[in-house]
Amino acid sequence: MSSVVCFDNSEEVEVVPTQWYNNGACRWPPHKAEGVNRAIRQLEEPQDNWPLFDNARVFFYSDNYLECRQKLPLAQNQTDLASEVEDPTTYRRPKRKINPPKKQAFPILPKAPAIAGPSNFRRFILA
């Protein structure tokens, strides 16, 4: 028999053999990914030296492993919705980093050349 279990601490959902789950806690094999998948498919008996994960919930259970696998996406969606609805006060908008504007380095220009005054222009108009 297999169960779809949600691990509340990590917000992960997985299909596990039902015997791994007991009263809100779930044993998990200390194998790498392929070893864990093999242990799940073969309904391996849990060992006492396996880590125990608290705060686990069962969403669905069945005698058929494939049926549980089909229910997995539904459980994942429900977990996402439940975590958003459970406590809306814990949601905080991420803070935006405000970067100070970078100082622009303006090129140093040479001094402007001196321009002759308007005295010649004035004589032309009066004449």
Protein backbone atom coordinates (compact mmCIF):
# COMPACT_ATOMS: atom_id res chain seq x y z
CA MET A 1 0.00 0.00 0.00
CA SER A 2 1.26 3.50 -0.90
CA SER A 3 0.42 6.97 0.39
CA VAL A 4 0.79 10.49 -0.93
CA VAL A 5 2.49 12.30 1.97
CA CYS A 6 3.12 16.02 2.41
CA PHE A 7 6.13 17.02 4.50
CA ASP A 8 5.02 20.32 6.02
CA ASN A 9 8.47 21.51 7.10
CA SER A 10 9.87 21.39 3.57
CA GLU A 11 6.52 21.71 1.72
CA GLU A 12 7.36 18.67 -0.40
CA VAL A 13 4.94 15.97 -1.49
CA GLU A 14 5.95 12.39 -2.32
CA VAL A 15 4.51 8.92 -2.75
CA VAL A 16 5.83 6.62 0.00
CA PRO A 17 4.97 3.14 1.25
CA THR A 18 2.27 3.44 3.91
CA GLN A 19 4.38 1.56 6.48
CA TRP A 20 6.91 4.44 6.42
CA TYR A 21 4.25 6.78 7.85
CA ASN A 22 3.16 6.64 11.50
CA ASN A 23 1.17 9.26 13.46
CA GLY A 24 2.35 12.40 11.67
CA ALA A 25 5.94 11.23 11.20
CA CYS A 26 7.54 9.56 8.21
CA ARG A 27 10.76 7.55 7.93
CA TRP A 28 12.96 8.29 4.93
CA PRO A 29 15.77 6.08 3.58
CA PRO A 30 19.28 7.58 3.65
CA HIS A 31 19.89 6.61 0.00
CA LYS A 32 20.61 8.72 -3.04
CA ALA A 33 17.77 9.54 -5.44
CA GLU A 34 17.78 6.25 -7.39
CA GLY A 35 18.02 4.20 -4.17
CA VAL A 36 15.06 6.09 -2.68
CA ASN A 37 12.97 5.49 -5.82
CA ARG A 38 13.83 1.79 -5.75
CA ALA A 39 12.94 1.54 -2.04
CA ILE A 40 9.58 3.22 -2.70
CA ARG A 41 8.70 1.01 -5.67
CA GLN A 42 9.70 -2.18 -3.82
CA LEU A 43 7.83 -1.13 -0.65
CA GLU A 44 10.97 -1.61 1.42
CA GLU A 45 10.45 -1.94 5.19
CA PRO A 46 11.60 1.14 7.14
CA GLN A 47 14.67 0.77 9.33
CA ASP A 48 15.17 2.30 12.77
CA ASN A 49 18.32 4.09 11.59
CA TRP A 50 16.39 6.00 8.87
CA PRO A 51 15.81 9.69 9.61
CA LEU A 52 12.37 10.51 10.99
CA PHE A 53 10.58 13.55 9.56
CA ASP A 54 7.84 15.09 11.72
CA ASN A 55 4.89 17.17 10.54
CA ALA A 56 3.89 14.84 7.71
CA ARG A 57 0.31 14.53 6.44
CA VAL A 58 -1.32 11.86 4.26
CA PHE A 59 -3.35 13.21 1.34
CA PHE A 60 -4.26 9.95 -0.33
CA TYR A 61 -3.52 6.25 -0.04
CA SER A 62 -4.14 3.26 -2.27
CA ASP A 63 -3.08 -0.33 -2.91
CA ASN A 64 -1.89 0.81 -6.33
CA TYR A 65 1.41 2.71 -6.54
CA LEU A 66 0.57 4.14 -9.98
CA GLU A 67 -2.74 5.52 -8.72
CA CYS A 68 -0.84 7.38 -5.99
CA ARG A 69 1.58 8.74 -8.59
CA GLN A 70 -1.38 10.08 -10.57
CA LYS A 71 -2.71 11.89 -7.46
CA LEU A 72 0.69 13.46 -6.74
CA PRO A 73 0.21 16.64 -8.89
CA LEU A 74 -3.20 17.25 -7.29
CA ALA A 75 -1.65 16.98 -3.82
CA GLN A 76 1.15 19.37 -4.82
CA ASN A 77 -1.39 21.96 -5.99
CA GLN A 78 -3.44 21.57 -2.80
CA THR A 79 -0.30 21.97 -0.70
CA ASP A 80 0.55 25.23 -2.49
CA LEU A 81 -2.96 26.57 -1.99
CA ALA A 82 -3.11 25.43 1.63
CA SER A 83 0.18 27.09 2.52
CA GLU A 84 -1.01 30.40 1.03
CA VAL A 85 -4.42 30.28 2.73
CA GLU A 86 -3.33 28.97 6.15
CA ASP A 87 -1.72 32.15 7.41
CA PRO A 88 -1.91 35.17 5.13
CA THR A 89 -0.23 37.37 7.73
CA THR A 90 3.07 35.54 7.29
CA TYR A 91 3.30 36.57 3.66
CA ARG A 92 5.58 39.54 3.29
CA ARG A 93 6.44 41.24 0.10
CA PRO A 94 10.14 40.87 -0.63
CA LYS A 95 12.12 44.00 0.05
CA ARG A 96 13.49 45.82 -2.94
CA LYS A 97 17.10 46.79 -2.86
CA ILE A 98 17.54 50.46 -3.53
CA ASN A 99 20.87 51.04 -5.14
CA PRO A 100 22.23 54.58 -4.94
CA PRO A 101 22.72 56.11 -8.39
CA LYS A 102 26.19 55.70 -9.75
CA LYS A 103 28.19 58.87 -10.05
CA GLN A 104 28.80 59.70 -13.65
CA ALA A 105 32.31 60.70 -14.49
CA PHE A 106 32.12 63.70 -16.80
CA PRO A 107 35.12 64.31 -19.03
CA ILE A 108 37.22 67.34 -18.18
CA LEU A 109 36.91 69.87 -20.99
CA PRO A 110 39.43 72.59 -21.79
CA LYS A 111 38.52 76.21 -21.03
CA ALA A 112 36.50 78.00 -23.67
CA PRO A 113 38.47 80.48 -25.79
CA ALA A 114 37.97 84.20 -25.11
CA ILE A 115 35.58 85.89 -27.52
CA ALA A 116 35.99 89.48 -28.63
CA GLY A 117 33.41 91.81 -27.11
CA PRO A 118 30.50 93.35 -29.01
CA SER A 119 32.12 96.76 -29.41
CA ASN A 120 32.75 96.31 -33.20
CA PHE A 121 29.18 95.16 -33.72
CA ARG A 122 27.79 98.23 -32.07
CA ARG A 123 29.75 100.60 -34.38
CA PHE A 124 28.37 98.85 -37.44
CA ILE A 125 24.77 99.38 -36.38
CA LEU A 126 25.25 103.07 -35.52
CA ALA A 127 26.88 103.84 -38.84
